[in-house]
Amino acid sequence: MLEIEAEIAGSVWKIEAAVGDRVEEEQVLLILESMKMEIPVEAPCAGVVRAVKVEEGATVEEGTVLVLIESE
């Protein structure tokens, strides 16, 4: 199980993936907003989304686990 973490503090602007979704490498999972910039968070590999640990509008710190992916 891979833990996808926030690389920067910000807020969760939009969630693009749901639990059970199959995702491809580099597919956008969610978008963070920080310092008026939109930062896409991408899947590091193909797999299945097993958990989304945040909600839209949530404020996250650097290192916060955002999504869990089971790699294929």
N, C-alpha and C. Protein backbone atom coordinates (compact mmCIF):
# COMPACT_ATOMS: atom_id res chain seq x y z
N MET A 1 0.85 -1.17 0.00
CA MET A 1 0.00 0.00 0.00
C MET A 1 0.90 1.23 0.00
N LEU A 2 0.67 2.13 -0.93
CA LEU A 2 1.44 3.36 -1.03
C LEU A 2 0.68 4.51 -0.39
N GLU A 3 1.36 5.27 0.42
CA GLU A 3 0.78 6.47 1.02
C GLU A 3 1.22 7.67 0.20
N ILE A 4 0.25 8.40 -0.34
CA ILE A 4 0.56 9.62 -1.10
C ILE A 4 0.43 10.78 -0.13
N GLU A 5 1.52 11.53 0.06
CA GLU A 5 1.55 12.61 1.05
C GLU A 5 1.57 13.98 0.38
N ALA A 6 1.12 14.97 1.11
CA ALA A 6 1.19 16.36 0.65
C ALA A 6 2.66 16.79 0.65
N GLU A 7 3.10 17.35 -0.45
CA GLU A 7 4.48 17.83 -0.52
C GLU A 7 4.60 19.28 -0.05
N ILE A 8 3.45 19.90 0.17
CA ILE A 8 3.42 21.30 0.59
C ILE A 8 2.14 21.52 1.41
N ALA A 9 2.19 22.44 2.35
CA ALA A 9 0.99 22.78 3.12
C ALA A 9 0.02 23.55 2.23
N GLY A 10 -1.26 23.34 2.43
CA GLY A 10 -2.26 24.05 1.65
C GLY A 10 -3.65 23.53 1.97
N SER A 11 -4.56 23.78 1.05
CA SER A 11 -5.92 23.27 1.24
C SER A 11 -6.29 22.37 0.07
N VAL A 12 -7.15 21.41 0.35
CA VAL A 12 -7.60 20.47 -0.68
C VAL A 12 -8.67 21.19 -1.50
N TRP A 13 -8.33 21.52 -2.74
CA TRP A 13 -9.24 22.28 -3.59
C TRP A 13 -10.23 21.36 -4.28
N LYS A 14 -9.75 20.23 -4.85
CA LYS A 14 -10.64 19.32 -5.56
C LYS A 14 -10.09 17.90 -5.50
N ILE A 15 -10.98 16.95 -5.23
CA ILE A 15 -10.61 15.53 -5.23
C ILE A 15 -11.07 14.93 -6.55
N GLU A 16 -10.13 14.30 -7.26
CA GLU A 16 -10.39 13.76 -8.58
C GLU A 16 -10.59 12.24 -8.59
N ALA A 17 -10.21 11.54 -7.51
CA ALA A 17 -10.30 10.08 -7.47
C ALA A 17 -11.11 9.64 -6.26
N ALA A 18 -11.79 8.51 -6.41
CA ALA A 18 -12.61 7.97 -5.33
C ALA A 18 -12.13 6.56 -4.97
N VAL A 19 -12.51 6.12 -3.80
CA VAL A 19 -12.17 4.76 -3.36
C VAL A 19 -12.70 3.76 -4.39
N GLY A 20 -11.82 2.84 -4.77
CA GLY A 20 -12.18 1.81 -5.74
C GLY A 20 -11.80 2.15 -7.17
N ASP A 21 -11.46 3.42 -7.43
CA ASP A 21 -11.05 3.82 -8.78
C ASP A 21 -9.71 3.19 -9.15
N ARG A 22 -9.63 2.75 -10.41
CA ARG A 22 -8.33 2.33 -10.95
C ARG A 22 -7.69 3.57 -11.54
N VAL A 23 -6.43 3.80 -11.19
CA VAL A 23 -5.72 4.98 -11.67
C VAL A 23 -4.45 4.56 -12.39
N GLU A 24 -4.03 5.41 -13.30
CA GLU A 24 -2.80 5.19 -14.05
C GLU A 24 -1.68 6.03 -13.44
N GLU A 25 -0.44 5.65 -13.72
CA GLU A 25 0.70 6.43 -13.27
C GLU A 25 0.56 7.86 -13.79
N GLU A 26 0.81 8.83 -12.95
CA GLU A 26 0.75 10.27 -13.22
C GLU A 26 -0.67 10.82 -13.37
N GLN A 27 -1.69 9.99 -13.10
CA GLN A 27 -3.06 10.51 -13.10
C GLN A 27 -3.26 11.40 -11.89
N VAL A 28 -3.96 12.52 -12.07
CA VAL A 28 -4.19 13.45 -10.97
C VAL A 28 -5.21 12.85 -10.00
N LEU A 29 -4.83 12.78 -8.72
CA LEU A 29 -5.69 12.24 -7.67
C LEU A 29 -6.48 13.36 -6.99
N LEU A 30 -5.80 14.47 -6.76
CA LEU A 30 -6.45 15.63 -6.15
C LEU A 30 -5.62 16.85 -6.43
N ILE A 31 -6.19 18.00 -6.15
CA ILE A 31 -5.51 19.26 -6.38
C ILE A 31 -5.46 20.04 -5.07
N LEU A 32 -4.25 20.44 -4.71
CA LEU A 32 -4.04 21.28 -3.53
C LEU A 32 -3.92 22.72 -3.99
N GLU A 33 -4.35 23.63 -3.13
CA GLU A 33 -4.17 25.05 -3.40
C GLU A 33 -3.26 25.61 -2.31
N SER A 34 -2.20 26.27 -2.75
CA SER A 34 -1.25 26.84 -1.80
C SER A 34 -0.66 28.10 -2.41
N MET A 35 -0.65 29.17 -1.67
CA MET A 35 -0.11 30.44 -2.13
C MET A 35 -0.73 30.86 -3.47
N LYS A 36 -2.05 30.65 -3.60
CA LYS A 36 -2.82 31.01 -4.79
C LYS A 36 -2.40 30.22 -6.04
N MET A 37 -1.75 29.08 -5.83
CA MET A 37 -1.36 28.20 -6.94
C MET A 37 -2.07 26.87 -6.78
N GLU A 38 -2.44 26.24 -7.89
CA GLU A 38 -3.03 24.91 -7.87
C GLU A 38 -1.92 23.89 -8.10
N ILE A 39 -1.81 22.93 -7.20
CA ILE A 39 -0.76 21.93 -7.27
C ILE A 39 -1.39 20.55 -7.41
N PRO A 40 -1.26 19.91 -8.59
CA PRO A 40 -1.83 18.58 -8.77
C PRO A 40 -1.01 17.54 -8.00
N VAL A 41 -1.71 16.60 -7.38
CA VAL A 41 -1.07 15.47 -6.70
C VAL A 41 -1.35 14.26 -7.57
N GLU A 42 -0.28 13.65 -8.11
CA GLU A 42 -0.42 12.57 -9.08
C GLU A 42 -0.10 11.22 -8.47
N ALA A 43 -0.67 10.18 -9.07
CA ALA A 43 -0.38 8.80 -8.66
C ALA A 43 1.05 8.45 -9.09
N PRO A 44 1.85 7.89 -8.20
CA PRO A 44 3.22 7.53 -8.57
C PRO A 44 3.29 6.26 -9.41
N CYS A 45 2.18 5.51 -9.46
CA CYS A 45 2.13 4.26 -10.22
C CYS A 45 0.67 3.91 -10.49
N ALA A 46 0.46 2.94 -11.36
CA ALA A 46 -0.90 2.45 -11.60
C ALA A 46 -1.35 1.65 -10.38
N GLY A 47 -2.65 1.69 -10.10
CA GLY A 47 -3.16 0.94 -8.98
C GLY A 47 -4.63 1.25 -8.72
N VAL A 48 -5.08 0.87 -7.52
CA VAL A 48 -6.46 1.07 -7.11
C VAL A 48 -6.46 1.94 -5.86
N VAL A 49 -7.31 2.97 -5.87
CA VAL A 49 -7.44 3.85 -4.71
C VAL A 49 -8.14 3.07 -3.61
N ARG A 50 -7.49 2.93 -2.47
CA ARG A 50 -8.06 2.19 -1.33
C ARG A 50 -8.62 3.12 -0.27
N ALA A 51 -8.13 4.36 -0.21
CA ALA A 51 -8.65 5.32 0.78
C ALA A 51 -8.30 6.73 0.35
N VAL A 52 -9.23 7.64 0.59
CA VAL A 52 -8.98 9.07 0.44
C VAL A 52 -9.10 9.62 1.86
N LYS A 53 -7.99 10.10 2.40
CA LYS A 53 -7.90 10.46 3.81
C LYS A 53 -8.27 11.91 4.12
N VAL A 54 -8.63 12.70 3.09
CA VAL A 54 -8.96 14.11 3.28
C VAL A 54 -10.26 14.43 2.56
N GLU A 55 -10.83 15.58 2.89
CA GLU A 55 -12.05 16.05 2.23
C GLU A 55 -11.76 17.38 1.55
N GLU A 56 -12.55 17.70 0.53
CA GLU A 56 -12.40 18.99 -0.13
C GLU A 56 -12.58 20.11 0.90
N GLY A 57 -11.72 21.11 0.82
CA GLY A 57 -11.77 22.23 1.75
C GLY A 57 -10.88 22.06 2.97
N ALA A 58 -10.38 20.85 3.19
CA ALA A 58 -9.53 20.59 4.36
C ALA A 58 -8.18 21.28 4.20
N THR A 59 -7.64 21.75 5.30
CA THR A 59 -6.29 22.30 5.33
C THR A 59 -5.34 21.19 5.74
N VAL A 60 -4.24 21.03 4.99
CA VAL A 60 -3.28 19.97 5.27
C VAL A 60 -1.89 20.56 5.44
N GLU A 61 -1.09 19.88 6.21
CA GLU A 61 0.31 20.24 6.41
C GLU A 61 1.18 19.37 5.51
N GLU A 62 2.38 19.82 5.26
CA GLU A 62 3.34 19.01 4.51
C GLU A 62 3.49 17.66 5.21
N GLY A 63 3.44 16.57 4.44
CA GLY A 63 3.58 15.23 5.01
C GLY A 63 2.28 14.55 5.38
N THR A 64 1.16 15.27 5.31
CA THR A 64 -0.14 14.67 5.59
C THR A 64 -0.45 13.60 4.55
N VAL A 65 -0.90 12.43 5.00
CA VAL A 65 -1.29 11.37 4.07
C VAL A 65 -2.63 11.75 3.44
N LEU A 66 -2.65 11.78 2.11
CA LEU A 66 -3.84 12.20 1.38
C LEU A 66 -4.63 11.02 0.82
N VAL A 67 -3.91 10.08 0.22
CA VAL A 67 -4.55 8.96 -0.48
C VAL A 67 -3.71 7.71 -0.28
N LEU A 68 -4.39 6.55 -0.20
CA LEU A 68 -3.70 5.26 -0.18
C LEU A 68 -4.00 4.55 -1.48
N ILE A 69 -2.94 4.03 -2.13
CA ILE A 69 -3.09 3.31 -3.39
C ILE A 69 -2.46 1.94 -3.25
N GLU A 70 -3.18 0.93 -3.73
CA GLU A 70 -2.63 -0.42 -3.81
C GLU A 70 -2.12 -0.57 -5.23
N SER A 71 -0.81 -0.73 -5.37
CA SER A 71 -0.20 -0.80 -6.71
C SER A 71 -0.54 -2.13 -7.37
N GLU A 72 -0.56 -2.10 -8.69
CA GLU A 72 -0.89 -3.31 -9.47
C GLU A 72 0.37 -3.95 -9.98
